[in-house]
Protein backbone atom coordinates (compact mmCIF):
# COMPACT_ATOMS: atom_id res chain seq x y z
CA MET A 1 116.93 90.87 81.03
CA THR A 2 119.95 89.10 82.45
CA HIS A 3 119.96 86.94 85.53
CA ASP A 4 123.56 87.42 86.65
CA ASN A 5 122.25 89.20 89.73
CA ILE A 6 118.92 87.76 90.87
CA HIS A 7 118.46 90.58 93.37
CA GLU A 8 119.10 93.34 90.85
CA ASP A 9 116.62 91.79 88.41
CA SER A 10 113.85 91.68 91.00
CA LEU A 11 114.48 95.30 92.04
CA GLN A 12 113.35 96.61 88.65
CA PRO A 13 109.83 98.10 88.40
CA PRO A 14 107.43 95.80 86.55
CA PRO A 15 105.01 96.90 83.84
CA VAL A 16 101.46 97.69 84.96
CA LEU A 17 99.20 96.09 82.37
CA LEU A 18 95.86 97.87 81.96
CA ASN A 19 93.14 95.99 80.03
CA PRO A 20 95.48 92.98 80.06
CA GLY A 21 93.57 90.71 77.69
CA PRO A 22 92.20 87.14 77.59
CA GLN A 23 95.52 85.44 78.36
CA TYR A 24 94.94 86.53 81.98
CA GLY A 25 91.29 85.44 82.04
CA SER A 26 89.71 82.85 84.33
CA ALA A 27 89.80 80.04 81.82
CA GLN A 28 93.59 80.26 81.54
CA ARG A 29 94.32 79.77 85.22
CA LYS A 30 95.53 76.38 86.47
CA TRP A 31 95.48 77.55 90.08
CA GLN A 32 94.64 80.74 92.00
CA GLY A 33 94.27 82.11 95.50
CA ILE A 34 95.53 84.44 98.26
CA PRO A 35 92.93 87.20 97.76
CA GLY A 36 92.40 90.71 99.11
CA ILE A 37 89.39 93.04 99.12
CA GLU A 38 88.65 96.73 99.60
CA MET A 39 85.67 99.09 99.27
CA THR A 40 85.79 102.67 98.01
CA ALA A 41 83.96 105.63 99.53
CA ARG A 42 81.16 105.24 96.97
CA GLY A 43 80.78 101.50 97.43
CA ARG A 44 82.79 99.99 94.60
CA LEU A 45 84.42 96.71 95.58
CA TYR A 46 87.90 95.82 94.40
CA ALA A 47 89.39 92.33 94.66
CA THR A 48 92.90 91.07 94.04
CA TRP A 49 94.57 87.66 94.07
CA TYR A 50 97.36 85.93 92.21
CA SER A 51 97.83 83.11 89.73
CA GLY A 52 100.08 82.18 86.81
CA GLY A 53 101.89 78.97 85.91
CA ASP A 54 101.14 75.66 87.58
CA LYS A 55 101.82 76.75 91.18
CA GLU A 56 103.61 79.39 93.26
CA GLY A 57 106.73 80.30 91.29
CA PRO A 58 108.33 82.54 88.67
CA ALA A 59 105.25 82.63 86.39
CA ASN A 60 103.05 84.23 89.05
CA TYR A 61 101.18 87.47 88.40
CA VAL A 62 98.85 89.69 90.44
CA LEU A 63 95.46 90.73 89.07
CA LEU A 64 92.79 93.28 90.00
CA ALA A 65 89.03 93.23 89.33
CA HIS A 66 86.08 95.30 90.56
CA SER A 67 82.34 95.10 91.18
CA ASP A 68 79.80 97.94 91.16
CA ASN A 69 76.86 95.85 92.43
CA ASP A 70 78.01 94.48 95.78
CA GLY A 71 79.82 91.53 94.31
CA GLU A 72 77.04 90.09 92.16
CA ASP A 73 79.13 90.61 89.03
CA TRP A 74 82.84 91.19 88.61
CA SER A 75 84.91 92.67 85.84
CA ALA A 76 87.49 90.72 83.92
CA PRO A 77 91.01 91.50 85.13
CA GLU A 78 91.47 95.23 84.56
CA LEU A 79 95.03 95.45 85.83
CA VAL A 80 97.81 92.86 86.00
CA ILE A 81 101.30 92.99 87.51
CA ASP A 82 103.37 90.41 85.62
CA PRO A 83 107.13 90.99 85.87
CA PRO A 84 109.23 89.64 82.99
CA GLY A 85 111.57 86.67 83.15
CA ASP A 86 111.88 84.63 86.34
CA ILE A 87 110.53 87.41 88.57
CA ARG A 88 107.23 86.68 90.22
CA ALA A 89 104.55 89.01 91.65
CA TYR A 90 102.57 87.57 94.58
CA ASP A 91 100.86 88.16 97.95
CA PRO A 92 98.81 91.23 96.91
CA VAL A 93 97.13 93.53 99.42
CA LEU A 94 94.39 96.12 98.80
CA TRP A 95 93.93 99.05 101.16
CA ALA A 96 91.93 102.30 101.15
CA ASP A 97 93.80 104.99 103.06
CA PRO A 98 92.10 107.74 105.14
CA GLN A 99 92.18 110.09 102.12
CA GLY A 100 90.19 107.61 100.02
CA ARG A 101 93.10 106.58 97.83
CA LEU A 102 93.27 102.91 96.89
CA TRP A 103 96.63 101.18 97.31
CA LEU A 104 97.69 97.91 95.73
CA PHE A 105 100.73 96.33 97.39
CA TRP A 106 102.46 93.16 96.25
CA ALA A 107 105.68 91.22 96.78
CA GLN A 108 108.23 90.65 94.04
CA CYS A 109 111.30 88.42 93.89
CA HIS A 110 113.33 86.08 91.72
CA THR A 111 111.84 82.56 91.37
CA TRP A 112 110.12 81.52 94.64
CA TRP A 113 112.18 83.29 97.33
CA ASN A 114 115.60 84.90 97.00
CA GLY A 115 116.12 86.04 100.59
CA ARG A 116 115.33 89.67 99.80
CA GLY A 117 111.92 89.86 98.18
CA GLY A 118 110.49 93.32 98.03
CA VAL A 119 107.25 95.16 98.84
CA TRP A 120 105.98 97.23 95.92
CA CYS A 121 102.97 99.50 95.59
CA ILE A 122 100.88 101.63 93.29
CA HIS A 123 97.97 103.84 94.29
CA CYS A 124 94.92 105.40 92.67
CA ASP A 125 93.61 108.83 93.76
CA ASP A 126 90.07 108.24 92.41
CA PRO A 127 89.22 104.52 92.49
CA ASP A 128 85.56 105.27 91.67
CA ALA A 129 86.47 106.77 88.29
CA ASP A 130 85.32 105.11 85.07
CA GLU A 131 88.98 104.66 84.13
CA PRO A 132 91.08 104.76 87.33
CA ALA A 133 94.59 106.16 86.92
CA TRP A 134 97.44 104.50 88.80
CA SER A 135 100.80 105.78 89.99
CA GLU A 136 104.10 104.29 88.86
CA PRO A 137 105.30 101.18 90.75
CA ARG A 138 107.43 101.94 93.79
CA ARG A 139 109.50 99.59 95.94
CA ILE A 140 109.13 100.55 99.60
CA ALA A 141 110.77 97.73 101.59
CA ASN A 142 112.54 94.40 101.59
CA GLY A 143 110.46 91.33 102.30
CA VAL A 144 106.76 90.58 101.95
CA MET A 145 103.58 92.30 103.17
CA MET A 146 100.57 89.98 103.32
CA ASN A 147 98.04 92.07 105.27
CA LYS A 148 96.59 95.58 105.46
CA PRO A 149 98.31 98.55 107.10
CA LEU A 150 97.12 100.09 110.36
CA VAL A 151 96.43 103.81 110.87
CA LEU A 152 97.22 104.88 114.43
CA ARG A 153 95.19 107.43 116.36
CA ASN A 154 97.91 110.00 115.68
CA GLY A 155 97.56 109.44 111.93
CA ASP A 156 100.80 107.49 111.39
CA TRP A 157 100.73 104.39 109.20
CA LEU A 158 102.20 101.04 110.23
CA LEU A 159 102.71 98.33 107.61
CA PRO A 160 103.28 94.66 108.65
CA VAL A 161 106.33 93.62 106.60
CA ALA A 162 108.57 90.57 106.99
CA VAL A 163 111.81 89.24 105.55
CA TRP A 164 111.13 85.54 106.03
CA ALA A 165 113.40 84.10 108.70
CA ALA A 166 111.91 80.60 108.50
CA ILE A 167 112.66 80.20 104.79
CA PRO A 168 116.23 80.09 103.44
CA PRO A 169 118.20 81.92 102.30
CA VAL A 170 118.49 84.47 105.10
CA LEU A 171 120.85 87.13 103.81
CA PRO A 172 123.38 88.36 106.42
CA GLU A 173 122.77 92.02 105.60
CA LEU A 174 119.03 91.61 106.24
CA LYS A 175 119.16 89.77 109.58
CA ARG A 176 117.94 92.90 111.40
CA GLU A 177 114.81 92.81 109.24
CA ALA A 178 114.23 89.04 109.52
CA LEU A 179 111.45 89.63 112.04
CA SER A 180 107.73 90.26 112.05
CA SER A 181 108.54 93.88 111.26
CA VAL A 182 106.81 97.23 111.16
CA LEU A 183 107.26 99.78 108.38
CA HIS A 184 106.35 103.35 109.36
CA SER A 185 105.05 106.32 107.39
CA GLY A 186 104.42 109.66 109.10
CA ASP A 187 103.65 111.54 105.87
CA GLU A 188 100.67 109.62 104.43
CA GLY A 189 102.74 107.31 102.28
CA LYS A 190 105.28 109.69 100.79
CA THR A 191 108.11 107.89 102.59
CA PHE A 192 108.45 104.62 104.52
CA THR A 193 111.01 103.65 107.18
CA TRP A 194 111.72 100.33 108.87
CA LEU A 195 110.79 100.83 112.55
CA GLY A 196 111.27 97.58 114.47
CA GLY A 197 110.00 94.05 114.75
CA ALA A 198 108.97 91.15 116.95
CA ASP A 199 110.78 87.82 117.22
CA ILE A 200 108.00 85.24 117.60
CA PRO A 201 109.24 81.67 118.14
CA HIS A 202 108.15 79.24 115.41
CA ARG A 203 106.80 81.99 113.16
CA HIS A 204 106.06 80.77 109.66
CA PHE A 205 105.74 83.27 106.78
CA ASP A 206 104.79 85.82 109.51
CA GLU A 207 101.64 87.21 107.79
CA HIS A 208 101.21 89.36 110.88
CA MET A 209 98.62 92.02 111.66
CA ILE A 210 98.61 94.80 114.23
CA VAL A 211 95.81 96.49 116.17
CA GLU A 212 96.01 99.50 118.48
CA ARG A 213 94.44 98.64 121.81
CA ARG A 214 92.35 101.04 123.85
CA ASP A 215 95.26 101.67 126.23
CA GLY A 216 97.48 102.80 123.33
CA SER A 217 99.60 99.66 123.17
CA LEU A 218 100.07 97.76 119.91
CA TRP A 219 99.08 94.11 119.74
CA MET A 220 100.66 92.00 117.00
CA LEU A 221 99.31 88.61 115.95
CA VAL A 222 101.66 86.39 113.91
CA ARG A 223 101.19 83.18 111.95
CA THR A 224 103.20 80.34 113.54
CA ARG A 225 103.66 76.63 112.93
CA TYR A 226 101.40 75.89 115.92
CA GLY A 227 98.79 78.56 115.10
CA ILE A 228 99.01 82.21 116.19
CA GLY A 229 101.62 83.94 118.34
CA GLN A 230 101.56 87.43 119.82
CA SER A 231 103.72 90.35 120.91
CA THR A 232 103.06 93.81 122.37
CA SER A 233 104.71 97.19 121.83
CA LEU A 234 104.45 100.09 124.26
CA ASP A 235 106.48 102.56 122.20
CA GLY A 236 104.63 102.74 118.90
CA GLY A 237 106.22 99.70 117.28
CA ARG A 238 109.93 100.30 117.88
CA THR A 239 110.40 97.52 120.43
CA TRP A 240 108.30 94.43 121.06
CA SER A 241 107.81 92.01 123.94
CA ALA A 242 108.98 88.41 123.79
CA GLY A 243 106.70 86.34 121.59
CA LEU A 244 104.12 84.11 123.25
CA PRO A 245 101.34 81.82 122.00
CA THR A 246 97.76 83.05 121.98
CA ASP A 247 94.76 80.98 122.99
CA ILE A 248 93.17 81.56 119.58
CA GLY A 249 93.25 77.99 118.33
CA SER A 250 94.21 78.01 114.66
CA PRO A 251 96.03 76.03 111.99
CA ASP A 252 99.24 77.33 110.40
CA THR A 253 97.65 79.84 108.01
CA ARG A 254 96.70 83.47 107.41
CA PHE A 255 93.97 85.21 109.44
CA HIS A 256 92.41 88.68 109.54
CA VAL A 257 91.96 91.02 112.52
CA ARG A 258 90.79 94.64 112.67
CA ARG A 259 88.94 97.13 114.84
CA LEU A 260 85.38 97.91 113.81
CA PRO A 261 83.63 101.31 114.08
CA SER A 262 81.78 100.04 117.18
CA GLY A 263 85.10 99.52 118.98
CA ARG A 264 84.88 95.75 118.93
CA LEU A 265 87.65 93.66 117.35
CA LEU A 266 86.85 91.39 114.41
CA PHE A 267 88.83 88.20 113.83
CA ILE A 268 88.34 85.90 110.83
CA GLY A 269 90.06 82.53 110.89
CA HIS A 270 89.68 78.85 111.68
CA TYR A 271 88.97 79.13 115.39
CA GLY A 272 89.45 75.87 117.25
CA PHE A 273 90.41 73.84 114.17
CA THR A 274 93.73 72.37 113.08
CA GLU A 275 92.96 72.32 109.35
CA ARG A 276 91.79 74.98 106.91
CA SER A 277 88.08 74.46 107.41
CA HIS A 278 85.24 76.15 109.33
CA LEU A 279 86.20 79.69 108.41
CA THR A 280 84.61 81.79 111.15
CA ALA A 281 84.09 85.49 111.94
CA MET A 282 84.38 86.36 115.63
CA LEU A 283 83.95 89.48 117.76
CA SER A 284 85.73 90.54 120.95
CA ASP A 285 84.31 93.09 123.40
CA ASP A 286 87.49 93.21 125.52
CA ASP A 287 90.33 94.03 123.11
CA GLY A 288 90.98 90.44 122.09
CA HIS A 289 91.08 88.72 125.48
CA THR A 290 87.93 86.70 124.70
CA TRP A 291 85.95 86.00 121.50
CA PRO A 292 82.43 84.97 122.59
CA HIS A 293 80.53 85.92 119.40
CA ARG A 294 80.92 83.74 116.29
CA LEU A 295 79.46 83.36 112.79
CA LEU A 296 80.43 80.37 110.66
CA LEU A 297 81.22 81.58 107.13
CA ASP A 298 82.21 78.34 105.38
CA GLU A 299 82.58 74.92 106.99
CA ARG A 300 84.13 73.18 103.96
CA GLU A 301 87.72 71.98 103.66
CA LYS A 302 90.48 74.01 101.97
CA VAL A 303 88.92 77.42 102.66
CA SER A 304 91.67 79.85 103.59
CA TYR A 305 93.41 83.23 103.54
CA PRO A 306 90.64 85.65 104.55
CA ASP A 307 90.85 89.39 104.04
CA ALA A 308 88.10 91.89 104.85
CA THR A 309 86.98 95.47 104.55
CA CYS A 310 84.46 97.36 106.69
CA SER A 311 82.37 100.35 105.59
CA GLU A 312 81.62 103.34 107.80
CA ASP A 313 78.17 101.90 108.49
CA SER A 314 79.78 98.66 109.71
CA VAL A 315 79.02 96.42 106.74
CA ILE A 316 81.80 93.81 106.44
CA HIS A 317 82.86 92.19 103.17
CA ALA A 318 85.22 89.23 103.55
CA ILE A 319 87.05 87.38 100.76
CA TYR A 320 88.86 84.03 100.79
CA ASP A 321 89.95 81.18 98.53
CA ARG A 322 88.82 77.57 98.30
CA ASP A 323 90.82 74.61 96.96
CA ARG A 324 93.41 76.58 94.99
CA HIS A 325 94.36 73.79 92.58
CA GLY A 326 90.99 72.00 92.39
CA ALA A 327 87.83 74.08 92.67
CA ARG A 328 89.99 77.23 92.28
CA GLU A 329 87.28 79.44 93.78
CA ILE A 330 87.57 82.98 95.07
CA LEU A 331 84.58 83.58 97.36
CA MET A 332 83.19 86.36 99.50
CA ALA A 333 80.70 87.00 102.29
CA ARG A 334 78.77 90.10 103.38
CA PHE A 335 77.62 90.44 106.98
CA GLU A 336 77.32 92.85 109.91
CA GLU A 337 78.12 92.77 113.58
CA GLN A 338 74.53 91.83 114.40
CA ASP A 339 74.94 88.67 112.32
CA ILE A 340 78.02 87.64 114.31
CA LEU A 341 76.30 88.48 117.61
CA ALA A 342 73.33 86.32 116.61
CA GLY A 343 75.46 83.56 115.09
CA ASP A 344 73.21 83.66 112.03
CA LEU A 345 72.41 85.86 109.04
CA ILE A 346 69.77 88.27 110.33
CA SER A 347 70.75 91.55 108.67
CA GLY A 348 68.98 92.70 105.56
CA ARG A 349 71.49 91.91 102.81
CA ALA A 350 73.86 89.36 104.31
CA TYR A 351 75.18 86.52 102.19
CA LEU A 352 77.78 83.75 102.30
CA ARG A 353 79.76 81.90 99.60
CA ARG A 354 79.20 84.42 96.81
CA LEU A 355 81.47 83.53 93.92
CA VAL A 356 83.99 86.15 92.84
CA ASP A 357 85.89 84.01 90.36
CA HIS A 358 86.22 80.42 89.17
CA PRO A 359 87.92 79.08 86.02
CA ASP A 360 84.59 77.82 84.66
CA ALA A 361 82.86 81.09 85.61
CA VAL A 362 79.88 79.08 86.96
CA PRO A 363 79.27 78.67 90.71
CA ALA A 364 79.71 75.11 91.90
CA GLU A 365 77.05 75.75 94.57
CA PRO A 366 74.53 78.58 95.01
CA ALA A 367 75.37 81.38 97.39
CA LEU A 368 73.75 81.15 100.80
CA GLU A 369 71.79 84.37 101.15
CA LYS A 370 69.22 86.09 103.31
CA ARG A 371 67.72 89.31 101.95
């Protein structure tokens, strides 16, 4: 591979390594974090995160593991995306679409950031199979996608994609896309088209998420240097209102928001804190105007980057990282709405701080469980 054109190099499909071997095992990782989680129709859990090298940079790779017993045990990495040369794979996202297919998205670019990036994906038609088969890698957009897509009531898909405007270089030909953007698919993922985007002042890595409110409007939340900003679209994501701050107190970091089967909104983040501590799950009864119900998931420092999945019977599994270069833990929690409403673990199989992965493969502290 040559590096005369850093963009051309990063536009090439990477190999998908199945059964990748011990060189990608826990003991080899000097740092790790930025996880994602998803559950299949039959209850298998998949988790993804990235590692490689000493820090975020050209040696990064994305890995995938699964659990068939509600997260008590996890497989070794069963799939790895590790582009050759100075191309890194990072910021993975797991998502189960309405047809039950499992999608793995990731970003890919030369070195740390080359101004173009690229959102790539593969999908699996039967993620509950003994040996899941994956599609060939496909590049669907410029930029980075850090959070799950949204399926609208009409069946269309919206993907939260961003070409970073806060991080140089900003390529002149991509200025239109240097927003907290929306990628649209009206054919269940066969094709994707850039739709529009919001310009949120002081946005930082974007890492935005979108929910469809009860009145049909779209509400976008965006990571900013002061916490979380917001914008609204009344035309399906083509145009967006001027960006404004929210009153969801938060540090400058990723969060998770989604609608639950009950109709309530779930938010997972560091509510009311300025550092990455006190990771909390919250519920809103009024489409995000207030968040009166809260469950503390992990009060420790350096807990960050939550992602979550919710089953049809409203069981929530959340994943996050802790101390990426020190403890190097990937952790998860299982809870239900009733736990958040009570502010305590009262449901039958709720747990907190269950270890998904750690370089020593031994939990530093026991999981906090109620069964």
